[in-house]
Structure formats: C-alpha cells, structure tokens
Amino acid sequence: MLNQQIRILRLARKMSQVELAKALGVTKQSVSNWENDNIQPSIDMLVKLAKIFSVSTDYLLGMEHCQSIDLTGLPEDVVAHIRQLVEDFQKLLHNRQT
C-alpha cells in the first residue's frame, strides 16, 4: 500500500523519481526501491514524504482514506472558493462513474 501511495502521489504532482529523491536528499534508487516495495522508507523519511505530498503519514500508510489541505491563513472567500472547486470535481467524477 505505501509503495502505491508514494507512486500515485509522485505522479499526481508530475514529479520524476529523480526529482522526488532530490527533494528528500536520497538517491533515485531509494525512491525506486520504495515504489517497487523492495524496502520501506525510514520513519524520518515517511514524515518527509508526508510533508512533500501534504498528506498525513496515516494517509501514506493507508490507515486514513481522506486527504486534507491546510488552508490556514487564507481569507474566508478563498477557502469558500476552494471548497466549491472540490465539490464541483466530486460531482464531475460522480457523474462520470454513473
């Protein structure tokens, strides 16, 4: 599950394994090994991954299925706009599935 989450989140951000490795201060081989489920990242690296992808460690580990976005400091009108965008995308995806 963790290996899939890392790959999915990396690709969603259009990052290469090299780019992610550089952001984490590890080798591309480390990222490749995580994604291929050959080895697991350390706890410290898990926390760094969560920060880079703006998700919780529980989400990375598959223990939580809900993603959250930190909107701290944004004006209320911007927060409302973001909420509306999310709702619009949820409706769009729901309509595609039905």
N, C-alpha and C. Protein backbone atom coordinates (compact mmCIF):
# COMPACT_ATOMS: atom_id res chain seq x y z
N MET A 1 0.83 -1.19 0.00
CA MET A 1 0.00 0.00 0.00
C MET A 1 0.87 1.26 0.00
N LEU A 2 1.88 1.33 0.88
CA LEU A 2 2.74 2.51 0.95
C LEU A 2 3.43 2.74 -0.39
N ASN A 3 3.93 1.67 -0.99
CA ASN A 3 4.62 1.82 -2.27
C ASN A 3 3.70 2.43 -3.32
N GLN A 4 2.44 1.99 -3.35
CA GLN A 4 1.49 2.52 -4.31
C GLN A 4 1.16 3.99 -4.02
N GLN A 5 1.01 4.32 -2.74
CA GLN A 5 0.70 5.70 -2.38
C GLN A 5 1.82 6.64 -2.81
N ILE A 6 3.06 6.23 -2.59
CA ILE A 6 4.19 7.08 -2.98
C ILE A 6 4.16 7.31 -4.49
N ARG A 7 3.98 6.25 -5.25
CA ARG A 7 3.96 6.37 -6.72
C ARG A 7 2.79 7.24 -7.17
N ILE A 8 1.60 7.00 -6.64
CA ILE A 8 0.42 7.76 -7.05
C ILE A 8 0.59 9.25 -6.75
N LEU A 9 1.06 9.55 -5.54
CA LEU A 9 1.23 10.95 -5.16
C LEU A 9 2.33 11.62 -5.98
N ARG A 10 3.40 10.90 -6.25
CA ARG A 10 4.50 11.45 -7.05
C ARG A 10 4.02 11.75 -8.46
N LEU A 11 3.33 10.81 -9.07
CA LEU A 11 2.85 11.01 -10.44
C LEU A 11 1.78 12.10 -10.51
N ALA A 12 0.94 12.19 -9.49
CA ALA A 12 -0.09 13.23 -9.47
C ALA A 12 0.53 14.62 -9.46
N ARG A 13 1.72 14.72 -8.92
CA ARG A 13 2.43 16.00 -8.88
C ARG A 13 3.41 16.15 -10.03
N LYS A 14 3.33 15.19 -10.95
CA LYS A 14 4.19 15.21 -12.15
C LYS A 14 5.67 15.29 -11.78
N MET A 15 6.03 14.56 -10.73
CA MET A 15 7.43 14.50 -10.30
C MET A 15 8.06 13.21 -10.80
N SER A 16 9.31 13.30 -11.21
CA SER A 16 10.06 12.09 -11.55
C SER A 16 10.62 11.50 -10.26
N GLN A 17 11.10 10.28 -10.34
CA GLN A 17 11.75 9.69 -9.17
C GLN A 17 12.99 10.49 -8.80
N VAL A 18 13.67 11.01 -9.79
CA VAL A 18 14.87 11.82 -9.55
C VAL A 18 14.51 13.10 -8.79
N GLU A 19 13.43 13.75 -9.20
CA GLU A 19 13.00 14.99 -8.54
C GLU A 19 12.60 14.73 -7.09
N LEU A 20 11.85 13.65 -6.87
CA LEU A 20 11.45 13.32 -5.50
C LEU A 20 12.67 12.99 -4.66
N ALA A 21 13.58 12.22 -5.22
CA ALA A 21 14.80 11.85 -4.50
C ALA A 21 15.58 13.10 -4.10
N LYS A 22 15.70 14.03 -5.01
CA LYS A 22 16.43 15.27 -4.73
C LYS A 22 15.76 16.06 -3.61
N ALA A 23 14.43 16.14 -3.65
CA ALA A 23 13.69 16.87 -2.62
C ALA A 23 13.86 16.23 -1.24
N LEU A 24 14.06 14.92 -1.23
CA LEU A 24 14.21 14.19 0.04
C LEU A 24 15.67 14.01 0.47
N GLY A 25 16.58 14.29 -0.44
CA GLY A 25 18.01 14.11 -0.12
C GLY A 25 18.43 12.64 -0.13
N VAL A 26 17.79 11.85 -1.01
CA VAL A 26 18.14 10.44 -1.16
C VAL A 26 18.44 10.17 -2.63
N THR A 27 18.78 8.94 -2.93
CA THR A 27 19.06 8.57 -4.32
C THR A 27 17.77 8.17 -5.04
N LYS A 28 17.82 8.22 -6.36
CA LYS A 28 16.69 7.76 -7.17
C LYS A 28 16.43 6.28 -6.88
N GLN A 29 17.49 5.54 -6.62
CA GLN A 29 17.35 4.11 -6.33
C GLN A 29 16.51 3.88 -5.07
N SER A 30 16.66 4.76 -4.08
CA SER A 30 15.84 4.63 -2.86
C SER A 30 14.36 4.78 -3.20
N VAL A 31 14.03 5.80 -3.97
CA VAL A 31 12.64 6.03 -4.36
C VAL A 31 12.13 4.84 -5.17
N SER A 32 12.93 4.37 -6.09
CA SER A 32 12.55 3.21 -6.89
C SER A 32 12.30 1.99 -6.01
N ASN A 33 13.17 1.76 -5.06
CA ASN A 33 13.01 0.62 -4.15
C ASN A 33 11.73 0.74 -3.31
N TRP A 34 11.40 1.95 -2.87
CA TRP A 34 10.16 2.15 -2.11
C TRP A 34 8.96 1.83 -2.99
N GLU A 35 8.97 2.38 -4.21
CA GLU A 35 7.83 2.20 -5.10
C GLU A 35 7.67 0.75 -5.57
N ASN A 36 8.77 0.03 -5.65
CA ASN A 36 8.72 -1.38 -6.04
C ASN A 36 8.54 -2.31 -4.85
N ASP A 37 8.37 -1.73 -3.67
CA ASP A 37 8.14 -2.47 -2.43
C ASP A 37 9.30 -3.40 -2.08
N ASN A 38 10.51 -2.98 -2.46
CA ASN A 38 11.70 -3.74 -2.10
C ASN A 38 12.16 -3.42 -0.68
N ILE A 39 12.04 -2.14 -0.31
CA ILE A 39 12.37 -1.69 1.04
C ILE A 39 11.34 -0.64 1.46
N GLN A 40 11.29 -0.36 2.75
CA GLN A 40 10.39 0.65 3.28
C GLN A 40 11.20 1.88 3.68
N PRO A 41 10.65 3.07 3.49
CA PRO A 41 11.36 4.26 3.96
C PRO A 41 11.40 4.29 5.48
N SER A 42 12.42 4.94 6.01
CA SER A 42 12.53 5.10 7.47
C SER A 42 11.38 5.97 7.97
N ILE A 43 11.20 5.99 9.26
CA ILE A 43 10.16 6.83 9.85
C ILE A 43 10.43 8.30 9.53
N ASP A 44 11.68 8.72 9.64
CA ASP A 44 12.03 10.11 9.30
C ASP A 44 11.67 10.42 7.85
N MET A 45 11.96 9.48 6.96
CA MET A 45 11.67 9.69 5.55
C MET A 45 10.17 9.68 5.29
N LEU A 46 9.44 8.87 6.03
CA LEU A 46 7.98 8.84 5.92
C LEU A 46 7.39 10.21 6.26
N VAL A 47 7.92 10.83 7.31
CA VAL A 47 7.46 12.17 7.70
C VAL A 47 7.80 13.18 6.60
N LYS A 48 8.99 13.09 6.01
CA LYS A 48 9.36 13.99 4.92
C LYS A 48 8.46 13.80 3.71
N LEU A 49 8.16 12.54 3.40
CA LEU A 49 7.25 12.27 2.28
C LEU A 49 5.88 12.90 2.52
N ALA A 50 5.38 12.75 3.74
CA ALA A 50 4.08 13.32 4.08
C ALA A 50 4.09 14.84 3.90
N LYS A 51 5.17 15.47 4.31
CA LYS A 51 5.26 16.93 4.17
C LYS A 51 5.32 17.34 2.70
N ILE A 52 6.12 16.64 1.92
CA ILE A 52 6.25 16.97 0.50
C ILE A 52 4.91 16.83 -0.22
N PHE A 53 4.18 15.76 0.11
CA PHE A 53 2.92 15.49 -0.56
C PHE A 53 1.72 16.15 0.14
N SER A 54 1.95 16.83 1.24
CA SER A 54 0.88 17.49 2.00
C SER A 54 -0.23 16.53 2.40
N VAL A 55 0.19 15.37 2.91
CA VAL A 55 -0.76 14.37 3.42
C VAL A 55 -0.27 13.92 4.79
N SER A 56 -1.11 13.19 5.50
CA SER A 56 -0.68 12.66 6.79
C SER A 56 0.10 11.36 6.58
N THR A 57 0.88 10.99 7.57
CA THR A 57 1.57 9.71 7.50
C THR A 57 0.55 8.57 7.49
N ASP A 58 -0.56 8.75 8.19
CA ASP A 58 -1.62 7.74 8.17
C ASP A 58 -2.15 7.54 6.75
N TYR A 59 -2.29 8.62 6.01
CA TYR A 59 -2.76 8.51 4.63
C TYR A 59 -1.74 7.73 3.80
N LEU A 60 -0.46 8.04 3.95
CA LEU A 60 0.58 7.32 3.22
C LEU A 60 0.54 5.82 3.53
N LEU A 61 0.27 5.49 4.79
CA LEU A 61 0.27 4.10 5.21
C LEU A 61 -1.05 3.38 4.93
N GLY A 62 -2.02 4.11 4.38
CA GLY A 62 -3.30 3.50 4.05
C GLY A 62 -4.24 3.34 5.24
N MET A 63 -3.94 4.01 6.34
CA MET A 63 -4.77 3.92 7.54
C MET A 63 -5.86 4.98 7.53
N GLU A 64 -5.73 5.94 6.67
CA GLU A 64 -6.68 7.05 6.56
C GLU A 64 -6.95 7.22 5.08
N HIS A 65 -8.20 7.38 4.71
CA HIS A 65 -8.54 7.47 3.29
C HIS A 65 -8.95 8.87 2.86
N CYS A 66 -8.88 9.79 3.78
CA CYS A 66 -9.29 11.15 3.50
C CYS A 66 -8.06 12.06 3.47
N GLN A 67 -7.92 12.81 2.40
CA GLN A 67 -6.82 13.77 2.33
C GLN A 67 -7.33 15.11 2.87
N SER A 68 -6.41 15.88 3.40
CA SER A 68 -6.78 17.21 3.88
C SER A 68 -5.82 18.23 3.31
N ILE A 69 -6.28 19.45 3.26
CA ILE A 69 -5.48 20.56 2.76
C ILE A 69 -5.44 21.62 3.85
N ASP A 70 -4.25 22.09 4.14
CA ASP A 70 -4.10 23.14 5.16
C ASP A 70 -4.44 24.49 4.53
N LEU A 71 -5.52 25.07 4.98
CA LEU A 71 -5.97 26.36 4.47
C LEU A 71 -5.71 27.50 5.45
N THR A 72 -4.91 27.21 6.45
CA THR A 72 -4.60 28.19 7.48
C THR A 72 -4.07 29.49 6.87
N GLY A 73 -4.64 30.58 7.30
CA GLY A 73 -4.16 31.89 6.88
C GLY A 73 -4.80 32.41 5.61
N LEU A 74 -5.59 31.57 4.93
CA LEU A 74 -6.25 32.05 3.72
C LEU A 74 -7.54 32.78 4.09
N PRO A 75 -7.86 33.81 3.35
CA PRO A 75 -9.10 34.54 3.62
C PRO A 75 -10.32 33.63 3.40
N GLU A 76 -11.38 33.91 4.10
CA GLU A 76 -12.57 33.06 4.05
C GLU A 76 -13.15 32.95 2.64
N ASP A 77 -13.07 34.01 1.84
CA ASP A 77 -13.60 33.93 0.48
C ASP A 77 -12.78 32.97 -0.38
N VAL A 78 -11.49 32.89 -0.15
CA VAL A 78 -10.63 31.96 -0.88
C VAL A 78 -10.94 30.52 -0.44
N VAL A 79 -11.12 30.31 0.86
CA VAL A 79 -11.48 28.99 1.38
C VAL A 79 -12.80 28.53 0.77
N ALA A 80 -13.77 29.42 0.70
CA ALA A 80 -15.06 29.08 0.12
C ALA A 80 -14.91 28.70 -1.35
N HIS A 81 -14.06 29.40 -2.07
CA HIS A 81 -13.82 29.10 -3.48
C HIS A 81 -13.18 27.71 -3.63
N ILE A 82 -12.23 27.41 -2.79
CA ILE A 82 -11.57 26.09 -2.83
C ILE A 82 -12.58 24.98 -2.53
N ARG A 83 -13.42 25.20 -1.52
CA ARG A 83 -14.46 24.20 -1.20
C ARG A 83 -15.38 23.98 -2.40
N GLN A 84 -15.75 25.05 -3.07
CA GLN A 84 -16.64 24.93 -4.23
C GLN A 84 -15.96 24.14 -5.35
N LEU A 85 -14.69 24.40 -5.58
CA LEU A 85 -13.94 23.65 -6.59
C LEU A 85 -13.93 22.16 -6.28
N VAL A 86 -13.68 21.82 -5.03
CA VAL A 86 -13.65 20.42 -4.61
C VAL A 86 -15.02 19.78 -4.85
N GLU A 87 -16.07 20.46 -4.45
CA GLU A 87 -17.43 19.93 -4.66
C GLU A 87 -17.72 19.75 -6.14
N ASP A 88 -17.30 20.70 -6.96
CA ASP A 88 -17.53 20.59 -8.41
C ASP A 88 -16.80 19.38 -8.99
N PHE A 89 -15.56 19.16 -8.56
CA PHE A 89 -14.81 18.00 -9.04
C PHE A 89 -15.43 16.69 -8.56
N GLN A 90 -15.91 16.66 -7.32
CA GLN A 90 -16.56 15.45 -6.80
C GLN A 90 -17.81 15.14 -7.61
N LYS A 91 -18.61 16.15 -7.93
CA LYS A 91 -19.81 15.94 -8.74
C LYS A 91 -19.44 15.45 -10.14
N LEU A 92 -18.43 16.05 -10.73
CA LEU A 92 -17.98 15.67 -12.06
C LEU A 92 -17.56 14.20 -12.08
N LEU A 93 -16.76 13.80 -11.11
CA LEU A 93 -16.31 12.41 -11.05
C LEU A 93 -17.46 11.46 -10.78
N HIS A 94 -18.37 11.87 -9.93
CA HIS A 94 -19.54 11.03 -9.65
C HIS A 94 -20.38 10.83 -10.91
N ASN A 95 -20.58 11.90 -11.69
CA ASN A 95 -21.36 11.82 -12.93
C ASN A 95 -20.66 10.94 -13.97
N ARG A 96 -19.34 10.94 -13.99
CA ARG A 96 -18.60 10.10 -14.93
C ARG A 96 -18.76 8.62 -14.59
N GLN A 97 -18.90 8.33 -13.29
CA GLN A 97 -18.99 6.95 -12.84
C GLN A 97 -20.38 6.38 -13.01
N THR A 98 -21.37 7.24 -13.16
CA THR A 98 -22.75 6.74 -13.27
C THR A 98 -23.23 6.75 -14.70
